[in-house]
PDB file of N, CA and C in Angstrom:
ATOM      1  N   MET A   1       4.142  12.921   2.004  1.00  0.00           N
ATOM      2  CA  MET A   1       2.915  12.322   2.832  1.00  0.00           C
ATOM      3  C   MET A   1       2.030  13.204   3.386  1.00  0.00           C
ATOM      4  N   GLU A   2       2.618  14.279   4.103  1.00  0.00           N
ATOM      5  CA  GLU A   2       1.866  15.291   4.984  1.00  0.00           C
ATOM      6  C   GLU A   2       1.008  16.203   3.869  1.00  0.00           C
ATOM      7  N   TYR A   3       1.370  16.377   2.644  1.00  0.00           N
ATOM      8  CA  TYR A   3       0.607  17.228   1.707  1.00  0.00           C
ATOM      9  C   TYR A   3      -0.530  16.276   1.105  1.00  0.00           C
ATOM     10  N   ALA A   4      -0.301  15.039   0.878  1.00  0.00           N
ATOM     11  CA  ALA A   4      -1.191  14.094   0.316  1.00  0.00           C
ATOM     12  C   ALA A   4      -2.500  13.917   1.503  1.00  0.00           C
ATOM     13  N   VAL A   5      -1.964  13.802   2.701  1.00  0.00           N
ATOM     14  CA  VAL A   5      -3.078  13.493   3.740  1.00  0.00           C
ATOM     15  C   VAL A   5      -3.735  14.860   4.065  1.00  0.00           C
ATOM     16  N   GLU A   6      -3.042  15.794   4.044  1.00  0.00           N
ATOM     17  CA  GLU A   6      -3.890  17.190   4.119  1.00  0.00           C
ATOM     18  C   GLU A   6      -4.740  17.483   3.100  1.00  0.00           C
ATOM     19  N   GLY A   7      -4.475  17.145   1.784  1.00  0.00           N
ATOM     20  CA  GLY A   7      -5.550  17.166   0.637  1.00  0.00           C
ATOM     21  C   GLY A   7      -6.606  16.076   0.970  1.00  0.00           C
ATOM     22  N   LEU A   8      -6.446  15.026   1.470  1.00  0.00           N
ATOM     23  CA  LEU A   8      -7.539  14.223   1.621  1.00  0.00           C
ATOM     24  C   LEU A   8      -8.269  14.666   2.809  1.00  0.00           C
ATOM     25  N   GLU A   9      -7.697  15.171   3.799  1.00  0.00           N
ATOM     26  CA  GLU A   9      -8.530  15.718   4.890  1.00  0.00           C
ATOM     27  C   GLU A   9      -9.355  16.997   4.517  1.00  0.00           C
ATOM     28  N   ARG A  10      -8.850  17.761   3.521  1.00  0.00           N
ATOM     29  CA  ARG A  10      -9.616  18.853   3.102  1.00  0.00           C
ATOM     30  C   ARG A  10     -10.743  18.299   2.418  1.00  0.00           C
ATOM     31  N   LEU A  11     -10.578  17.293   1.835  1.00  0.00           N
ATOM     32  CA  LEU A  11     -11.747  16.736   0.803  1.00  0.00           C
ATOM     33  C   LEU A  11     -12.803  15.747   1.747  1.00  0.00           C
ATOM     34  N   GLY A  12     -12.452  15.744   2.936  1.00  0.00           N
ATOM     35  CA  GLY A  12     -13.263  15.052   3.949  1.00  0.00           C
ATOM     36  C   GLY A  12     -13.203  13.453   3.677  1.00  0.00           C
ATOM     37  N   VAL A  13     -12.075  13.124   3.212  1.00  0.00           N
ATOM     38  CA  VAL A  13     -11.789  11.600   2.945  1.00  0.00           C
ATOM     39  C   VAL A  13     -11.221  11.026   4.196  1.00  0.00           C
ATOM     40  N   ILE A  14     -10.354  11.353   4.992  1.00  0.00           N
ATOM     41  CA  ILE A  14      -9.818  10.988   5.971  1.00  0.00           C
ATOM     42  C   ILE A  14      -9.341  12.214   7.128  1.00  0.00           C
ATOM     43  N   LYS A  15      -9.006  11.866   8.349  1.00  0.00           N
ATOM     44  CA  LYS A  15      -8.404  12.425   9.171  1.00  0.00           C
ATOM     45  C   LYS A  15      -7.144  12.044   9.710  1.00  0.00           C
ATOM     46  N   TRP A  16      -6.106  13.011  10.079  1.00  0.00           N
ATOM     47  CA  TRP A  16      -4.917  12.404  10.678  1.00  0.00           C
ATOM     48  C   TRP A  16      -4.864  11.434  11.717  1.00  0.00           C
ATOM     49  N   LYS A  17      -5.977  11.745  12.572  1.00  0.00           N
ATOM     50  CA  LYS A  17      -6.066  10.784  13.612  1.00  0.00           C
ATOM     51  C   LYS A  17      -6.483   9.494  13.258  1.00  0.00           C
ATOM     52  N   GLU A  18      -7.058   9.274  12.271  1.00  0.00           N
ATOM     53  CA  GLU A  18      -7.559   7.896  11.743  1.00  0.00           C
ATOM     54  C   GLU A  18      -6.496   6.985  11.093  1.00  0.00           C
ATOM     55  N   ILE A  19      -5.369   7.829  10.823  1.00  0.00           N
ATOM     56  CA  ILE A  19      -4.163   6.948  10.115  1.00  0.00           C
ATOM     57  C   ILE A  19      -3.407   6.267  11.284  1.00  0.00           C
ATOM     58  N   LEU A  20      -3.251   5.170  11.027  1.00  0.00           N
ATOM     59  CA  LEU A  20      -2.450   4.135  11.833  1.00  0.00           C
ATOM     60  C   LEU A  20      -1.131   4.086  11.564  1.00  0.00           C
ATOM     61  N   PHE A  21      -0.696   4.032  10.154  1.00  0.00           N
ATOM     62  CA  PHE A  21       0.441   3.823   9.671  1.00  0.00           C
ATOM     63  C   PHE A  21       0.745   4.347   8.345  1.00  0.00           C
ATOM     64  N   THR A  22       1.791   4.907   8.055  1.00  0.00           N
ATOM     65  CA  THR A  22       2.258   5.581   6.747  1.00  0.00           C
ATOM     66  C   THR A  22       3.680   5.200   6.507  1.00  0.00           C
ATOM     67  N   LYS A  23       3.857   4.972   5.105  1.00  0.00           N
ATOM     68  CA  LYS A  23       5.233   4.549   4.779  1.00  0.00           C
ATOM     69  C   LYS A  23       5.461   5.013   3.296  1.00  0.00           C
ATOM     70  N   VAL A  24       6.423   5.765   3.084  1.00  0.00           N
ATOM     71  CA  VAL A  24       6.647   6.168   1.533  1.00  0.00           C
ATOM     72  C   VAL A  24       7.673   5.425   0.931  1.00  0.00           C
ATOM     73  N   TRP A  25       7.387   4.852  -0.311  1.00  0.00           N
ATOM     74  CA  TRP A  25       8.359   4.127  -1.079  1.00  0.00           C
ATOM     75  C   TRP A  25       8.516   4.858  -2.361  1.00  0.00           C
ATOM     76  N   LEU A  26       9.710   5.115  -2.733  1.00  0.00           N
ATOM     77  CA  LEU A  26      10.266   5.852  -4.154  1.00  0.00           C
ATOM     78  C   LEU A  26      10.785   4.514  -4.764  1.00  0.00           C
ATOM     79  N   HIS A  27      10.203   4.395  -5.903  1.00  0.00           N
ATOM     80  CA  HIS A  27      10.685   3.487  -6.859  1.00  0.00           C
ATOM     81  C   HIS A  27      11.070   4.051  -8.272  1.00  0.00           C
ATOM     82  N   GLU A  28      12.138   3.328  -8.684  1.00  0.00           N
ATOM     83  CA  GLU A  28      12.860   3.808 -10.043  1.00  0.00           C
ATOM     84  C   GLU A  28      11.925   3.982 -11.231  1.00  0.00           C
ATOM     85  N   TYR A  29      11.010   2.929 -11.279  1.00  0.00           N
ATOM     86  CA  TYR A  29       9.975   2.812 -12.567  1.00  0.00           C
ATOM     87  C   TYR A  29       8.611   3.348 -11.936  1.00  0.00           C
ATOM     88  N   GLY A  30       7.754   3.980 -12.657  1.00  0.00           N
ATOM     89  CA  GLY A  30       6.377   4.449 -12.372  1.00  0.00           C
ATOM     90  C   GLY A  30       5.385   3.457 -12.649  1.00  0.00           C
ATOM     91  N   TYR A  31       5.333   2.373 -13.186  1.00  0.00           N
ATOM     92  CA  TYR A  31       4.327   1.471 -13.519  1.00  0.00           C
ATOM     93  C   TYR A  31       4.713   0.086 -13.277  1.00  0.00           C
ATOM     94  N   PRO A  32       3.747  -0.798 -12.919  1.00  0.00           N
ATOM     95  CA  PRO A  32       4.057  -2.144 -12.512  1.00  0.00           C
ATOM     96  C   PRO A  32       4.562  -2.847 -14.105  1.00  0.00           C
ATOM     97  N   VAL A  33       5.497  -3.744 -14.110  1.00  0.00           N
ATOM     98  CA  VAL A  33       6.120  -4.220 -15.213  1.00  0.00           C
ATOM     99  C   VAL A  33       5.580  -5.601 -15.308  1.00  0.00           C
ATOM    100  N   TYR A  34       4.888  -5.942 -16.639  1.00  0.00           N
ATOM    101  CA  TYR A  34       4.213  -7.143 -16.759  1.00  0.00           C
ATOM    102  C   TYR A  34       5.211  -8.082 -17.316  1.00  0.00           C
ATOM    103  N   THR A  35       5.195  -9.227 -16.744  1.00  0.00           N
ATOM    104  CA  THR A  35       6.098 -10.311 -17.273  1.00  0.00           C
ATOM    105  C   THR A  35       5.243 -11.661 -17.395  1.00  0.00           C
ATOM    106  N   ILE A  36       5.948 -12.644 -17.975  1.00  0.00           N
ATOM    107  CA  ILE A  36       5.184 -13.927 -18.121  1.00  0.00           C
ATOM    108  C   ILE A  36       4.766 -14.501 -16.683  1.00  0.00           C
ATOM    109  N   ALA A  37       5.693 -14.386 -15.809  1.00  0.00           N
ATOM    110  CA  ALA A  37       5.425 -14.882 -14.555  1.00  0.00           C
ATOM    111  C   ALA A  37       4.656 -13.910 -13.356  1.00  0.00           C
ATOM    112  N   ARG A  38       4.120 -13.011 -14.106  1.00  0.00           N
ATOM    113  CA  ARG A  38       3.434 -11.793 -13.169  1.00  0.00           C
ATOM    114  C   ARG A  38       2.173 -12.425 -12.492  1.00  0.00           C
ATOM    115  N   ASP A  39       1.296 -13.117 -13.078  1.00  0.00           N
ATOM    116  CA  ASP A  39       0.204 -13.688 -12.370  1.00  0.00           C
ATOM    117  C   ASP A  39       0.528 -14.621 -11.467  1.00  0.00           C
ATOM    118  N   ASP A  40       1.441 -15.557 -11.671  1.00  0.00           N
ATOM    119  CA  ASP A  40       1.773 -16.624 -10.481  1.00  0.00           C
ATOM    120  C   ASP A  40       2.453 -16.006  -9.202  1.00  0.00           C
ATOM    121  N   LYS A  41       3.443 -14.999  -9.642  1.00  0.00           N
ATOM    122  CA  LYS A  41       3.977 -14.280  -8.564  1.00  0.00           C
ATOM    123  C   LYS A  41       2.973 -13.325  -7.545  1.00  0.00           C
ATOM    124  N   ARG A  42       2.025 -12.555  -8.410  1.00  0.00           N
ATOM    125  CA  ARG A  42       1.162 -11.987  -7.731  1.00  0.00           C
ATOM    126  C   ARG A  42       0.374 -12.794  -6.860  1.00  0.00           C
ATOM    127  N   LYS A  43      -0.130 -14.062  -7.250  1.00  0.00           N
ATOM    128  CA  LYS A  43      -0.805 -14.756  -6.570  1.00  0.00           C
ATOM    129  C   LYS A  43      -0.351 -15.175  -5.187  1.00  0.00           C
ATOM    130  N   ILE A  44       1.184 -15.667  -5.398  1.00  0.00           N
ATOM    131  CA  ILE A  44       1.932 -16.110  -4.046  1.00  0.00           C
ATOM    132  C   ILE A  44       1.786 -14.870  -3.098  1.00  0.00           C
ATOM    133  N   ILE A  45       2.071 -13.659  -3.613  1.00  0.00           N
ATOM    134  CA  ILE A  45       2.243 -12.563  -2.674  1.00  0.00           C
ATOM    135  C   ILE A  45       0.932 -12.101  -2.358  1.00  0.00           C
ATOM    136  N   ASN A  46      -0.145 -12.032  -2.943  1.00  0.00           N
ATOM    137  CA  ASN A  46      -1.390 -11.839  -2.507  1.00  0.00           C
ATOM    138  C   ASN A  46      -1.900 -12.929  -1.382  1.00  0.00           C
ATOM    139  N   ASP A  47      -1.550 -14.036  -1.545  1.00  0.00           N
ATOM    140  CA  ASP A  47      -2.277 -15.021  -0.653  1.00  0.00           C
ATOM    141  C   ASP A  47      -1.231 -14.630   0.607  1.00  0.00           C
ATOM    142  N   TRP A  48      -0.201 -14.584   0.581  1.00  0.00           N
ATOM    143  CA  TRP A  48       0.521 -14.272   1.742  1.00  0.00           C
ATOM    144  C   TRP A  48       0.046 -13.211   2.600  1.00  0.00           C
ATOM    145  N   LEU A  49      -0.197 -11.956   1.895  1.00  0.00           N
ATOM    146  CA  LEU A  49      -0.727 -10.818   2.333  1.00  0.00           C
ATOM    147  C   LEU A  49      -2.185 -10.913   3.027  1.00  0.00           C
ATOM    148  N   ASN A  50      -3.001 -11.631   2.371  1.00  0.00           N
ATOM    149  CA  ASN A  50      -4.313 -11.994   2.871  1.00  0.00           C
ATOM    150  C   ASN A  50      -4.195 -12.791   4.211  1.00  0.00           C
ATOM    151  N   LYS A  51      -3.339 -13.686   4.150  1.00  0.00           N
ATOM    152  CA  LYS A  51      -3.038 -14.512   5.333  1.00  0.00           C
ATOM    153  C   LYS A  51      -2.752 -13.808   6.501  1.00  0.00           C
ATOM    154  N   HIS A  52      -2.026 -12.531   6.477  1.00  0.00           N
ATOM    155  CA  HIS A  52      -1.614 -11.876   7.323  1.00  0.00           C
ATOM    156  C   HIS A  52      -2.495 -10.652   7.745  1.00  0.00           C
ATOM    157  N   ASN A  53      -3.685 -10.624   6.908  1.00  0.00           N
ATOM    158  CA  ASN A  53      -4.513  -9.483   7.025  1.00  0.00           C
ATOM    159  C   ASN A  53      -4.002  -8.275   6.605  1.00  0.00           C
ATOM    160  N   ILE A  54      -3.207  -8.277   5.558  1.00  0.00           N
ATOM    161  CA  ILE A  54      -2.657  -7.020   5.139  1.00  0.00           C
ATOM    162  C   ILE A  54      -3.421  -6.429   3.764  1.00  0.00           C
ATOM    163  N   LYS A  55      -3.791  -5.321   3.670  1.00  0.00           N
ATOM    164  CA  LYS A  55      -4.352  -4.940   2.367  1.00  0.00           C
ATOM    165  C   LYS A  55      -3.392  -4.238   1.480  1.00  0.00           C
ATOM    166  N   SER A  56      -3.169  -4.604   0.359  1.00  0.00           N
ATOM    167  CA  SER A  56      -2.082  -4.053  -0.605  1.00  0.00           C
ATOM    168  C   SER A  56      -2.869  -3.151  -1.688  1.00  0.00           C
ATOM    169  N   VAL A  57      -3.032  -1.859  -1.757  1.00  0.00           N
ATOM    170  CA  VAL A  57      -3.925  -1.363  -2.770  1.00  0.00           C
ATOM    171  C   VAL A  57      -3.099  -0.348  -3.586  1.00  0.00           C
ATOM    172  N   GLY A  58      -3.780   0.279  -4.584  1.00  0.00           N
ATOM    173  CA  GLY A  58      -3.158   1.139  -5.506  1.00  0.00           C
ATOM    174  C   GLY A  58      -2.527   0.494  -6.752  1.00  0.00           C
ATOM    175  N   ARG A  59      -2.045   1.014  -7.539  1.00  0.00           N
ATOM    176  CA  ARG A  59      -1.424   0.702  -8.725  1.00  0.00           C
ATOM    177  C   ARG A  59       0.003  -0.119  -8.369  1.00  0.00           C
ATOM    178  N   TRP A  60       0.696   0.171  -7.714  1.00  0.00           N
ATOM    179  CA  TRP A  60       1.814  -0.834  -7.172  1.00  0.00           C
ATOM    180  C   TRP A  60       1.295  -2.002  -6.190  1.00  0.00           C
ATOM    181  N   GLY A  61       0.644  -1.761  -5.212  1.00  0.00           N
ATOM    182  CA  GLY A  61       0.048  -2.730  -4.200  1.00  0.00           C
ATOM    183  C   GLY A  61      -0.860  -3.835  -5.066  1.00  0.00           C
ATOM    184  N   SER A  62      -1.640  -3.302  -6.068  1.00  0.00           N
ATOM    185  CA  SER A  62      -2.417  -4.351  -6.672  1.00  0.00           C
ATOM    186  C   SER A  62      -1.702  -5.079  -7.955  1.00  0.00           C
ATOM    187  N   TRP A  63      -0.680  -4.683  -8.377  1.00  0.00           N
ATOM    188  CA  TRP A  63      -0.007  -5.008  -9.501  1.00  0.00           C
ATOM    189  C   TRP A  63      -0.760  -4.860 -10.828  1.00  0.00           C
ATOM    190  N   HIS A  64      -1.510  -3.573 -11.045  1.00  0.00           N
ATOM    191  CA  HIS A  64      -2.253  -3.613 -12.066  1.00  0.00           C
ATOM    192  C   HIS A  64      -1.941  -2.046 -12.396  1.00  0.00           C
ATOM    193  N   TYR A  65      -1.954  -1.883 -13.871  1.00  0.00           N
ATOM    194  CA  TYR A  65      -1.654  -0.473 -14.438  1.00  0.00           C
ATOM    195  C   TYR A  65      -3.087  -0.189 -14.800  1.00  0.00           C
ATOM    196  N   TRP A  66      -3.578   0.541 -13.784  1.00  0.00           N
ATOM    197  CA  TRP A  66      -4.877   1.369 -13.599  1.00  0.00           C
ATOM    198  C   TRP A  66      -4.581   2.868 -13.870  1.00  0.00           C
ATOM    199  N   ASN A  67      -5.501   3.467 -14.507  1.00  0.00           N
ATOM    200  CA  ASN A  67      -5.799   4.958 -14.241  1.00  0.00           C
ATOM    201  C   ASN A  67      -6.296   5.334 -12.922  1.00  0.00           C
ATOM    202  N   MET A  68      -5.905   6.516 -12.491  1.00  0.00           N
ATOM    203  CA  MET A  68      -6.132   6.759 -11.027  1.00  0.00           C
ATOM    204  C   MET A  68      -7.569   6.762 -10.689  1.00  0.00           C
ATOM    205  N   ASP A  69      -8.461   7.075 -11.433  1.00  0.00           N
ATOM    206  CA  ASP A  69      -9.892   6.954 -11.323  1.00  0.00           C
ATOM    207  C   ASP A  69     -10.078   5.333 -10.671  1.00  0.00           C
ATOM    208  N   LYS A  70      -9.713   4.322 -11.603  1.00  0.00           N
ATOM    209  CA  LYS A  70      -9.775   2.985 -11.047  1.00  0.00           C
ATOM    210  C   LYS A  70      -9.016   2.683  -9.812  1.00  0.00           C
ATOM    211  N   VAL A  71      -7.743   3.406  -9.774  1.00  0.00           N
ATOM    212  CA  VAL A  71      -7.153   3.300  -8.412  1.00  0.00           C
ATOM    213  C   VAL A  71      -7.950   3.639  -7.076  1.00  0.00           C
ATOM    214  N   TYR A  72      -8.379   4.756  -7.441  1.00  0.00           N
ATOM    215  CA  TYR A  72      -9.289   5.347  -6.260  1.00  0.00           C
ATOM    216  C   TYR A  72     -10.407   4.555  -5.940  1.00  0.00           C
ATOM    217  N   GLU A  73     -11.229   3.954  -7.041  1.00  0.00           N
ATOM    218  CA  GLU A  73     -12.217   3.203  -7.052  1.00  0.00           C
ATOM    219  C   GLU A  73     -11.855   1.887  -6.375  1.00  0.00           C
ATOM    220  N   LYS A  74     -10.976   1.043  -6.476  1.00  0.00           N
ATOM    221  CA  LYS A  74     -10.535  -0.002  -5.831  1.00  0.00           C
ATOM    222  C   LYS A  74     -10.122   0.233  -4.410  1.00  0.00           C
ATOM    223  N   VAL A  75      -9.407   1.427  -4.365  1.00  0.00           N
ATOM    224  CA  VAL A  75      -9.027   1.753  -2.661  1.00  0.00           C
ATOM    225  C   VAL A  75     -10.320   1.840  -1.883  1.00  0.00           C
ATOM    226  N   LEU A  76     -11.170   2.567  -2.496  1.00  0.00           N
ATOM    227  CA  LEU A  76     -12.468   2.784  -1.687  1.00  0.00           C
ATOM    228  C   LEU A  76     -13.114   1.400  -1.382  1.00  0.00           C
ATOM    229  N   GLU A  77     -13.051   0.413  -2.491  1.00  0.00           N
ATOM    230  CA  GLU A  77     -13.734  -0.734  -2.152  1.00  0.00           C
ATOM    231  C   GLU A  77     -13.088  -1.753  -1.117  1.00  0.00           C
ATOM    232  N   ASN A  78     -11.799  -1.503  -1.088  1.00  0.00           N
ATOM    233  CA  ASN A  78     -11.112  -2.229  -0.092  1.00  0.00           C
ATOM    234  C   ASN A  78     -11.340  -1.497   1.217  1.00  0.00           C
ATOM    235  N   ILE A  79     -11.480  -0.226   1.393  1.00  0.00           N
ATOM    236  CA  ILE A  79     -11.856   0.481   2.809  1.00  0.00           C
ATOM    237  C   ILE A  79     -13.217  -0.014   3.195  1.00  0.00           C
ATOM    238  N   CYS A  80     -14.038  -0.082   2.331  1.00  0.00           N
ATOM    239  CA  CYS A  80     -15.372  -0.475   2.607  1.00  0.00           C
ATOM    240  C   CYS A  80     -15.593  -1.740   3.079  1.00  0.00           C
ATOM    241  N   ASN A  81     -14.575  -2.617   2.682  1.00  0.00           N
ATOM    242  CA  ASN A  81     -14.620  -4.265   3.149  1.00  0.00           C
ATOM    243  C   ASN A  81     -13.820  -4.357   4.436  1.00  0.00           C
ATOM    244  N   ILE A  82     -13.436  -3.593   4.746  1.00  0.00           N
ATOM    245  CA  ILE A  82     -12.472  -3.777   6.230  1.00  0.00           C
ATOM    246  C   ILE A  82     -13.461  -3.952   7.389  1.00  0.00           C
TER     247      ILE A  82
END
């Protein structure tokens, strides 16, 4: 986490003092798994998160298999809409 934030700080994206919370999750699999029930489950989860004003972003957080450029774009969109 420290390495990632320091890199973002060097790029001028964020500063340590602006970070309110961090948590690292390690997953066995590196990509979201698409199933028949994925869209229904995703809606239930996202509705709950939105109700509690929680932004879930990134490849895992959005349940989308995106390239990193798309992940970065979507994260920036979410940040700008806060």
